[in-house]
Structure formats: C-alpha cells, structure tokens
Amino acid sequence: MELKKAVGIKAADYIESGMIVGLGTGSTAYYFVEEIGRRMKEEGLDIVAVTTSIRTKEQAEGLGIPLKSVDEVASIDVTVDGADEISDDFQGIKGGGAAHLYEKIVANHSKKVIWIVDDSKMVEKLGQFPLPIEVVKYGSQQVFNRFETKGYKPTFRKHDDGSLYLTDEENYIIDLHLGQIENPAALAIELDGMTGVVEHGLFIDCVNTVLIGSVDGVTVKEANR
C-alpha cells in the first residue's frame, strides 16, 4: 500500500493549475486523487477534472474537485490512471476494477496518459492477469460460448454472493484467462469486431509515461509516443 501511495503522490507533480485532468480509478489512482485534493486545498492548485468511474466521481466530489463530463471539454491535458499489467513494450491490461470503458474513453481524449503502478504490475508479456471484457446483457451467454470455443477460458465476473457484476453502464464483465497474449494488438482488433462486446481491457499504444513504485523509490519510464 505504501508503494501505491508514493507513486500516486509523485504523479501529482505532473499537474499544474489551468489543466484539465483525467482522474483514474483503482487503488493506486485513489492516492493520486487524494493528493490532488490536498494540493487544491493547501497549495491553491486550480484544475478541472474528468473522472473515469462513479466511485472516482464520488471521491473527487468529496474533496471539492471541480468536475466536468468528458463531453464538456475539448480535450484533457493529462490523465493519470492505474494499470493491472504493463508489458515491456508499454502495452497494458486494465479493467480489474471494471472501469476500463470509461477509462479508455477518457484516455483517448487525452493529450498525455500517465500510468501509475507498483513494480508487481510490470511484466514481460501480457496475459497472466485475466483480460476483462465488458459485454451487453443481451446475448452475453452467446458471447461467452464464443470465447469458450476459441479456448479463451472465460468466466463471468461475480460478486461473493454469486450475483453477476454490473459495470457503471450496467453491463456484464467476462474475464478471459489467457495466460499469455502473444499478439495483444491483433487480439484487440478481434475483440473490437465482436458483436456484443462493448469494450475490452487491452490498452494498445495508449500510455506516454509510466511511474513505477518499488522499495527503492519511484522510477519513471517513457514510452516515447
């Protein structure tokens, strides 16, 4: 938890008054949002934010951070968000918190994207973390069956009580247990073309800067995009 806090606080150094800032979702992004709230209160930081989930929206509102929807801004200067896996070539899997649809919309509307993680999230190749797929309810079992036929080892995401997990858009999540993804870009194109799939958790050529927290401090890596 201390690594996540350190990297979340460090990411706030990239934020300046006058910016429109994308606020990510998840346990690491939480600390970034908290630090933005602190800087606004104690240092006079003046920004407007766009959130990537209902829970981040509620957190930001509680901190007094001014908010706009993604449709109310011409562009976003910088978005800071977490990731579930980042490969050596800076591709990512996101959506462990089921917010990847909103996260991708905000990221695609951003001039700069920063991912903040602890060093356990850095991998050689993607796929050990289950790949989240947001699907519409209607026909979801047919999409599941198609994934099963392809050998993608799908499971519906469920709550502890066995009920199906619902996203902020009230869609289902199917997690694919792939083990290793040899060609993330090709898989992303395949998933993009599947009827019933709303969005997947592969973030291809998306990130510009990665902040990595470890026991030795915070390391910065640039994707040179």
C-alpha atoms as a PDB file:
ATOM      1  CA  MET A   1       0.000   0.000   0.000  1.00  0.00           C
ATOM      2  CA  GLU A   2       2.884   2.385   0.745  1.00  0.00           C
ATOM      3  CA  LEU A   3       4.263   1.868  -2.779  1.00  0.00           C
ATOM      4  CA  LYS A   4       0.885   2.765  -4.287  1.00  0.00           C
ATOM      5  CA  LYS A   5       0.656   5.851  -2.089  1.00  0.00           C
ATOM      6  CA  ALA A   6       4.159   7.012  -3.000  1.00  0.00           C
ATOM      7  CA  VAL A   7       3.627   6.675  -6.744  1.00  0.00           C
ATOM      8  CA  GLY A   8       0.170   8.260  -6.546  1.00  0.00           C
ATOM      9  CA  ILE A   9       1.568  11.299  -4.754  1.00  0.00           C
ATOM     10  CA  LYS A  10       4.507  11.526  -7.178  1.00  0.00           C
ATOM     11  CA  ALA A  11       2.140  11.593 -10.168  1.00  0.00           C
ATOM     12  CA  ALA A  12       0.517  14.748  -8.819  1.00  0.00           C
ATOM     13  CA  ASP A  13       3.782  16.581  -9.571  1.00  0.00           C
ATOM     14  CA  TYR A  14       2.786  16.453 -13.252  1.00  0.00           C
ATOM     15  CA  ILE A  15      -0.346  18.503 -12.605  1.00  0.00           C
ATOM     16  CA  GLU A  16      -0.345  22.305 -12.919  1.00  0.00           C
ATOM     17  CA  SER A  17      -3.001  24.960 -12.446  1.00  0.00           C
ATOM     18  CA  GLY A  18      -5.129  25.560 -15.537  1.00  0.00           C
ATOM     19  CA  MET A  19      -5.078  21.912 -16.609  1.00  0.00           C
ATOM     20  CA  ILE A  20      -7.995  19.660 -17.389  1.00  0.00           C
ATOM     21  CA  VAL A  21      -7.077  16.404 -15.640  1.00  0.00           C
ATOM     22  CA  GLY A  22      -8.366  12.877 -16.093  1.00  0.00           C
ATOM     23  CA  LEU A  23      -8.750  11.093 -12.767  1.00  0.00           C
ATOM     24  CA  GLY A  24      -8.257   7.348 -12.951  1.00  0.00           C
ATOM     25  CA  THR A  25      -9.887   4.553 -10.979  1.00  0.00           C
ATOM     26  CA  GLY A  26      -8.421   1.968  -8.631  1.00  0.00           C
ATOM     27  CA  SER A  27      -6.345   1.534  -5.503  1.00  0.00           C
ATOM     28  CA  THR A  28      -3.308   3.438  -6.818  1.00  0.00           C
ATOM     29  CA  ALA A  29      -5.238   6.200  -8.589  1.00  0.00           C
ATOM     30  CA  TYR A  30      -7.087   6.748  -5.307  1.00  0.00           C
ATOM     31  CA  TYR A  31      -3.931   8.226  -3.754  1.00  0.00           C
ATOM     32  CA  PHE A  32      -3.368  10.458  -6.778  1.00  0.00           C
ATOM     33  CA  VAL A  33      -6.881  11.874  -6.444  1.00  0.00           C
ATOM     34  CA  GLU A  34      -6.370  12.396  -2.702  1.00  0.00           C
ATOM     35  CA  GLU A  35      -3.143  14.307  -3.373  1.00  0.00           C
ATOM     36  CA  ILE A  36      -4.849  16.489  -5.974  1.00  0.00           C
ATOM     37  CA  GLY A  37      -7.494  17.328  -3.384  1.00  0.00           C
ATOM     38  CA  ARG A  38      -4.812  18.178  -0.830  1.00  0.00           C
ATOM     39  CA  ARG A  39      -2.923  20.403  -3.251  1.00  0.00           C
ATOM     40  CA  MET A  40      -6.099  22.271  -4.173  1.00  0.00           C
ATOM     41  CA  LYS A  41      -6.898  22.906  -0.523  1.00  0.00           C
ATOM     42  CA  GLU A  42      -3.396  23.668   0.765  1.00  0.00           C
ATOM     43  CA  GLU A  43      -1.498  24.993  -2.280  1.00  0.00           C
ATOM     44  CA  GLY A  44      -4.224  26.652  -4.339  1.00  0.00           C
ATOM     45  CA  LEU A  45      -3.956  24.230  -7.265  1.00  0.00           C
ATOM     46  CA  ASP A  46      -6.678  25.207  -9.752  1.00  0.00           C
ATOM     47  CA  ILE A  47      -7.795  22.443 -12.116  1.00  0.00           C
ATOM     48  CA  VAL A  48     -10.923  20.919 -13.606  1.00  0.00           C
ATOM     49  CA  ALA A  49     -11.203  17.129 -13.625  1.00  0.00           C
ATOM     50  CA  VAL A  50     -12.888  14.424 -15.682  1.00  0.00           C
ATOM     51  CA  THR A  51     -13.486  11.130 -13.879  1.00  0.00           C
ATOM     52  CA  THR A  52     -13.347   7.540 -15.131  1.00  0.00           C
ATOM     53  CA  SER A  53     -15.923   5.931 -12.834  1.00  0.00           C
ATOM     54  CA  ILE A  54     -18.761   6.670 -10.461  1.00  0.00           C
ATOM     55  CA  ARG A  55     -16.583   5.868  -7.434  1.00  0.00           C
ATOM     56  CA  THR A  56     -13.841   8.262  -8.549  1.00  0.00           C
ATOM     57  CA  LYS A  57     -16.503  10.899  -9.175  1.00  0.00           C
ATOM     58  CA  GLU A  58     -17.774  10.466  -5.629  1.00  0.00           C
ATOM     59  CA  GLN A  59     -14.232  10.656  -4.222  1.00  0.00           C
ATOM     60  CA  ALA A  60     -13.465  13.835  -6.201  1.00  0.00           C
ATOM     61  CA  GLU A  61     -16.730  15.474  -5.173  1.00  0.00           C
ATOM     62  CA  GLY A  62     -15.927  14.731  -1.540  1.00  0.00           C
ATOM     63  CA  LEU A  63     -12.589  16.519  -1.955  1.00  0.00           C
ATOM     64  CA  GLY A  64     -14.159  19.546  -3.633  1.00  0.00           C
ATOM     65  CA  ILE A  65     -12.505  18.955  -7.009  1.00  0.00           C
ATOM     66  CA  PRO A  66     -14.446  20.735  -9.821  1.00  0.00           C
ATOM     67  CA  LEU A  67     -15.724  18.234 -12.374  1.00  0.00           C
ATOM     68  CA  LYS A  68     -16.896  18.192 -15.964  1.00  0.00           C
ATOM     69  CA  SER A  69     -18.009  15.300 -18.128  1.00  0.00           C
ATOM     70  CA  VAL A  70     -15.794  14.114 -20.962  1.00  0.00           C
ATOM     71  CA  ASP A  71     -18.324  15.609 -23.402  1.00  0.00           C
ATOM     72  CA  GLU A  72     -17.951  19.078 -21.888  1.00  0.00           C
ATOM     73  CA  VAL A  73     -14.218  19.512 -22.580  1.00  0.00           C
ATOM     74  CA  ALA A  74     -12.391  19.990 -25.875  1.00  0.00           C
ATOM     75  CA  SER A  75      -9.566  17.764 -24.674  1.00  0.00           C
ATOM     76  CA  ILE A  76      -7.872  16.546 -21.489  1.00  0.00           C
ATOM     77  CA  ASP A  77      -4.326  17.725 -20.781  1.00  0.00           C
ATOM     78  CA  VAL A  78      -3.205  14.688 -18.794  1.00  0.00           C
ATOM     79  CA  THR A  79      -4.877  11.576 -17.421  1.00  0.00           C
ATOM     80  CA  VAL A  80      -3.352   9.658 -14.529  1.00  0.00           C
ATOM     81  CA  ASP A  81      -4.604   6.119 -14.015  1.00  0.00           C
ATOM     82  CA  GLY A  82      -3.511   2.729 -12.740  1.00  0.00           C
ATOM     83  CA  ALA A  83      -2.996  -0.493 -14.694  1.00  0.00           C
ATOM     84  CA  ASP A  84      -3.252  -4.194 -13.924  1.00  0.00           C
ATOM     85  CA  GLU A  85      -0.367  -5.239 -16.184  1.00  0.00           C
ATOM     86  CA  ILE A  86       2.161  -3.337 -18.291  1.00  0.00           C
ATOM     87  CA  SER A  87       4.410  -5.228 -20.713  1.00  0.00           C
ATOM     88  CA  ASP A  88       7.967  -4.432 -21.701  1.00  0.00           C
ATOM     89  CA  ASP A  89       6.689  -2.680 -24.861  1.00  0.00           C
ATOM     90  CA  PHE A  90       4.271  -0.458 -22.866  1.00  0.00           C
ATOM     91  CA  GLN A  91       1.032  -2.208 -23.743  1.00  0.00           C
ATOM     92  CA  GLY A  92      -1.433  -2.641 -20.892  1.00  0.00           C
ATOM     93  CA  ILE A  93      -4.315  -4.553 -19.385  1.00  0.00           C
ATOM     94  CA  LYS A  94      -6.813  -2.520 -17.378  1.00  0.00           C
ATOM     95  CA  GLY A  95     -10.252  -3.233 -16.004  1.00  0.00           C
ATOM     96  CA  GLY A  96      -9.652  -5.145 -12.795  1.00  0.00           C
ATOM     97  CA  GLY A  97     -11.965  -2.558 -11.295  1.00  0.00           C
ATOM     98  CA  ALA A  98     -14.376  -2.877 -14.254  1.00  0.00           C
ATOM     99  CA  ALA A  99     -13.908   0.790 -15.234  1.00  0.00           C
ATOM    100  CA  HIS A 100     -11.995   0.203 -18.475  1.00  0.00           C
ATOM    101  CA  LEU A 101     -14.760   1.515 -20.763  1.00  0.00           C
ATOM    102  CA  TYR A 102     -14.783   4.964 -19.161  1.00  0.00           C
ATOM    103  CA  GLU A 103     -11.002   4.811 -18.660  1.00  0.00           C
ATOM    104  CA  LYS A 104     -10.407   4.200 -22.363  1.00  0.00           C
ATOM    105  CA  ILE A 105     -12.807   6.960 -23.431  1.00  0.00           C
ATOM    106  CA  VAL A 106     -11.003   9.442 -21.172  1.00  0.00           C
ATOM    107  CA  ALA A 107      -7.541   8.212 -22.215  1.00  0.00           C
ATOM    108  CA  ASN A 108      -8.380   8.519 -25.915  1.00  0.00           C
ATOM    109  CA  HIS A 109      -9.458  12.118 -25.299  1.00  0.00           C
ATOM    110  CA  SER A 110      -6.188  12.972 -23.506  1.00  0.00           C
ATOM    111  CA  LYS A 111      -3.032  14.671 -24.789  1.00  0.00           C
ATOM    112  CA  LYS A 112      -0.884  12.721 -22.297  1.00  0.00           C
ATOM    113  CA  VAL A 113      -1.548   9.491 -20.387  1.00  0.00           C
ATOM    114  CA  ILE A 114       0.385   8.523 -17.253  1.00  0.00           C
ATOM    115  CA  TRP A 115       0.035   5.097 -15.656  1.00  0.00           C
ATOM    116  CA  ILE A 116       0.961   4.658 -12.004  1.00  0.00           C
ATOM    117  CA  VAL A 117       1.723   1.180 -10.665  1.00  0.00           C
ATOM    118  CA  ASP A 118       3.818  -0.748  -8.194  1.00  0.00           C
ATOM    119  CA  ASP A 119       6.556  -2.921  -9.650  1.00  0.00           C
ATOM    120  CA  SER A 120       4.464  -6.112  -9.388  1.00  0.00           C
ATOM    121  CA  LYS A 121       2.415  -4.879 -12.378  1.00  0.00           C
ATOM    122  CA  MET A 122       5.401  -4.836 -14.757  1.00  0.00           C
ATOM    123  CA  VAL A 123       5.600  -7.991 -16.896  1.00  0.00           C
ATOM    124  CA  GLU A 124       7.453  -9.223 -19.957  1.00  0.00           C
ATOM    125  CA  LYS A 125       4.239 -10.166 -21.779  1.00  0.00           C
ATOM    126  CA  LEU A 126       0.580  -9.503 -21.013  1.00  0.00           C
ATOM    127  CA  GLY A 127      -1.949 -12.163 -20.114  1.00  0.00           C
ATOM    128  CA  GLN A 128      -1.345 -13.527 -16.643  1.00  0.00           C
ATOM    129  CA  PHE A 129      -3.890 -11.024 -15.344  1.00  0.00           C
ATOM    130  CA  PRO A 130      -7.371 -12.006 -16.612  1.00  0.00           C
ATOM    131  CA  LEU A 131      -8.439  -9.816 -19.537  1.00  0.00           C
ATOM    132  CA  PRO A 132     -11.731  -8.024 -18.753  1.00  0.00           C
ATOM    133  CA  ILE A 133     -14.361  -7.813 -21.486  1.00  0.00           C
ATOM    134  CA  GLU A 134     -17.435  -5.632 -20.953  1.00  0.00           C
ATOM    135  CA  VAL A 135     -20.434  -7.128 -22.762  1.00  0.00           C
ATOM    136  CA  VAL A 136     -24.091  -6.131 -23.107  1.00  0.00           C
ATOM    137  CA  LYS A 137     -26.514  -8.336 -21.198  1.00  0.00           C
ATOM    138  CA  TYR A 138     -28.481  -9.399 -24.263  1.00  0.00           C
ATOM    139  CA  GLY A 139     -26.690 -12.314 -25.878  1.00  0.00           C
ATOM    140  CA  SER A 140     -23.941 -12.350 -23.255  1.00  0.00           C
ATOM    141  CA  GLN A 141     -24.093 -16.138 -22.941  1.00  0.00           C
ATOM    142  CA  GLN A 142     -23.564 -16.436 -26.698  1.00  0.00           C
ATOM    143  CA  VAL A 143     -20.501 -14.203 -26.475  1.00  0.00           C
ATOM    144  CA  PHE A 144     -19.294 -16.337 -23.555  1.00  0.00           C
ATOM    145  CA  ASN A 145     -19.800 -19.501 -25.632  1.00  0.00           C
ATOM    146  CA  ARG A 146     -17.822 -17.994 -28.495  1.00  0.00           C
ATOM    147  CA  PHE A 147     -14.928 -17.193 -26.162  1.00  0.00           C
ATOM    148  CA  GLU A 148     -15.091 -20.739 -24.814  1.00  0.00           C
ATOM    149  CA  THR A 149     -14.934 -22.188 -28.326  1.00  0.00           C
ATOM    150  CA  LYS A 150     -11.846 -20.102 -29.012  1.00  0.00           C
ATOM    151  CA  GLY A 151     -10.164 -21.521 -25.916  1.00  0.00           C
ATOM    152  CA  TYR A 152     -10.066 -18.189 -24.091  1.00  0.00           C
ATOM    153  CA  LYS A 153     -11.236 -19.734 -20.767  1.00  0.00           C
ATOM    154  CA  PRO A 154     -13.946 -17.170 -19.982  1.00  0.00           C
ATOM    155  CA  THR A 155     -15.650 -16.622 -16.636  1.00  0.00           C
ATOM    156  CA  PHE A 156     -18.436 -14.220 -15.799  1.00  0.00           C
ATOM    157  CA  ARG A 157     -17.308 -11.821 -13.087  1.00  0.00           C
ATOM    158  CA  LYS A 158     -19.452 -12.268  -9.997  1.00  0.00           C
ATOM    159  CA  HIS A 159     -19.866 -10.851  -6.516  1.00  0.00           C
ATOM    160  CA  ASP A 160     -19.156 -13.016  -3.479  1.00  0.00           C
ATOM    161  CA  ASP A 161     -22.863 -13.847  -3.250  1.00  0.00           C
ATOM    162  CA  GLY A 162     -22.801 -15.271  -6.781  1.00  0.00           C
ATOM    163  CA  SER A 163     -24.655 -12.415  -8.463  1.00  0.00           C
ATOM    164  CA  LEU A 164     -23.255 -11.111 -11.737  1.00  0.00           C
ATOM    165  CA  TYR A 165     -21.092  -7.988 -11.513  1.00  0.00           C
ATOM    166  CA  LEU A 166     -22.516  -4.898 -13.202  1.00  0.00           C
ATOM    167  CA  THR A 167     -20.406  -2.067 -14.608  1.00  0.00           C
ATOM    168  CA  ASP A 168     -21.293   1.631 -14.296  1.00  0.00           C
ATOM    169  CA  GLU A 169     -23.155   1.184 -17.591  1.00  0.00           C
ATOM    170  CA  GLU A 170     -24.907  -1.888 -16.137  1.00  0.00           C
ATOM    171  CA  ASN A 171     -23.198  -4.317 -18.475  1.00  0.00           C
ATOM    172  CA  TYR A 172     -21.613  -7.669 -17.561  1.00  0.00           C
ATOM    173  CA  ILE A 173     -17.905  -8.459 -17.350  1.00  0.00           C
ATOM    174  CA  ILE A 174     -16.415 -11.628 -18.844  1.00  0.00           C
ATOM    175  CA  ASP A 175     -12.806 -12.253 -17.793  1.00  0.00           C
ATOM    176  CA  LEU A 176     -10.587 -14.188 -20.206  1.00  0.00           C
ATOM    177  CA  HIS A 177      -7.892 -16.340 -18.575  1.00  0.00           C
ATOM    178  CA  LEU A 178      -5.347 -16.388 -21.384  1.00  0.00           C
ATOM    179  CA  GLY A 179      -2.084 -16.995 -19.532  1.00  0.00           C
ATOM    180  CA  GLN A 180      -0.030 -15.174 -22.164  1.00  0.00           C
ATOM    181  CA  ILE A 181      -1.041 -12.934 -25.059  1.00  0.00           C
ATOM    182  CA  GLU A 182       1.405 -13.286 -27.920  1.00  0.00           C
ATOM    183  CA  ASN A 183      -0.074 -10.506 -30.053  1.00  0.00           C
ATOM    184  CA  PRO A 184      -2.118  -8.026 -27.993  1.00  0.00           C
ATOM    185  CA  ALA A 185      -2.744  -5.704 -30.952  1.00  0.00           C
ATOM    186  CA  ALA A 186      -4.234  -8.495 -33.065  1.00  0.00           C
ATOM    187  CA  LEU A 187      -6.395  -9.690 -30.173  1.00  0.00           C
ATOM    188  CA  ALA A 188      -7.617  -6.128 -29.608  1.00  0.00           C
ATOM    189  CA  ILE A 189      -8.719  -5.891 -33.255  1.00  0.00           C
ATOM    190  CA  GLU A 190     -10.501  -9.240 -32.981  1.00  0.00           C
ATOM    191  CA  LEU A 191     -12.355  -8.173 -29.830  1.00  0.00           C
ATOM    192  CA  ASP A 192     -13.211  -4.769 -31.330  1.00  0.00           C
ATOM    193  CA  GLY A 193     -15.034  -6.580 -34.133  1.00  0.00           C
ATOM    194  CA  MET A 194     -17.138  -8.875 -31.960  1.00  0.00           C
ATOM    195  CA  THR A 195     -20.826  -8.031 -31.728  1.00  0.00           C
ATOM    196  CA  GLY A 196     -21.925  -7.794 -28.093  1.00  0.00           C
ATOM    197  CA  VAL A 197     -18.518  -6.663 -26.846  1.00  0.00           C
ATOM    198  CA  VAL A 198     -18.750  -3.090 -25.563  1.00  0.00           C
ATOM    199  CA  GLU A 199     -15.068  -2.701 -24.675  1.00  0.00           C
ATOM    200  CA  HIS A 200     -12.047  -4.799 -23.722  1.00  0.00           C
ATOM    201  CA  GLY A 201      -9.221  -4.180 -21.294  1.00  0.00           C
ATOM    202  CA  LEU A 202      -6.348  -4.114 -23.793  1.00  0.00           C
ATOM    203  CA  PHE A 203      -4.874  -0.613 -23.962  1.00  0.00           C
ATOM    204  CA  ILE A 204      -2.707  -0.571 -27.086  1.00  0.00           C
ATOM    205  CA  ASP A 205      -0.236   2.271 -27.781  1.00  0.00           C
ATOM    206  CA  CYS A 206      -2.013   4.360 -25.168  1.00  0.00           C
ATOM    207  CA  VAL A 207       0.410   5.344 -22.413  1.00  0.00           C
ATOM    208  CA  ASN A 208       3.123   8.024 -22.624  1.00  0.00           C
ATOM    209  CA  THR A 209       4.718   7.802 -19.174  1.00  0.00           C
ATOM    210  CA  VAL A 210       4.797   5.061 -16.540  1.00  0.00           C
ATOM    211  CA  LEU A 211       5.610   5.724 -12.877  1.00  0.00           C
ATOM    212  CA  ILE A 212       6.676   2.556 -11.069  1.00  0.00           C
ATOM    213  CA  GLY A 213       6.816   2.357  -7.296  1.00  0.00           C
ATOM    214  CA  SER A 214       9.286  -0.014  -5.639  1.00  0.00           C
ATOM    215  CA  VAL A 215      11.177  -0.305  -2.359  1.00  0.00           C
ATOM    216  CA  ASP A 216      13.906   1.804  -3.997  1.00  0.00           C
ATOM    217  CA  GLY A 217      11.527   4.676  -4.807  1.00  0.00           C
ATOM    218  CA  VAL A 218       9.642   5.767  -7.920  1.00  0.00           C
ATOM    219  CA  THR A 219      11.076   5.040 -11.370  1.00  0.00           C
ATOM    220  CA  VAL A 220       9.890   6.917 -14.468  1.00  0.00           C
ATOM    221  CA  LYS A 221       9.746   5.190 -17.863  1.00  0.00           C
ATOM    222  CA  GLU A 222       8.833   6.956 -21.106  1.00  0.00           C
ATOM    223  CA  ALA A 223       7.071   5.148 -23.952  1.00  0.00           C
ATOM    224  CA  ASN A 224       8.344   7.751 -26.493  1.00  0.00           C
ATOM    225  CA  ARG A 225       4.988   8.276 -28.167  1.00  0.00           C
END
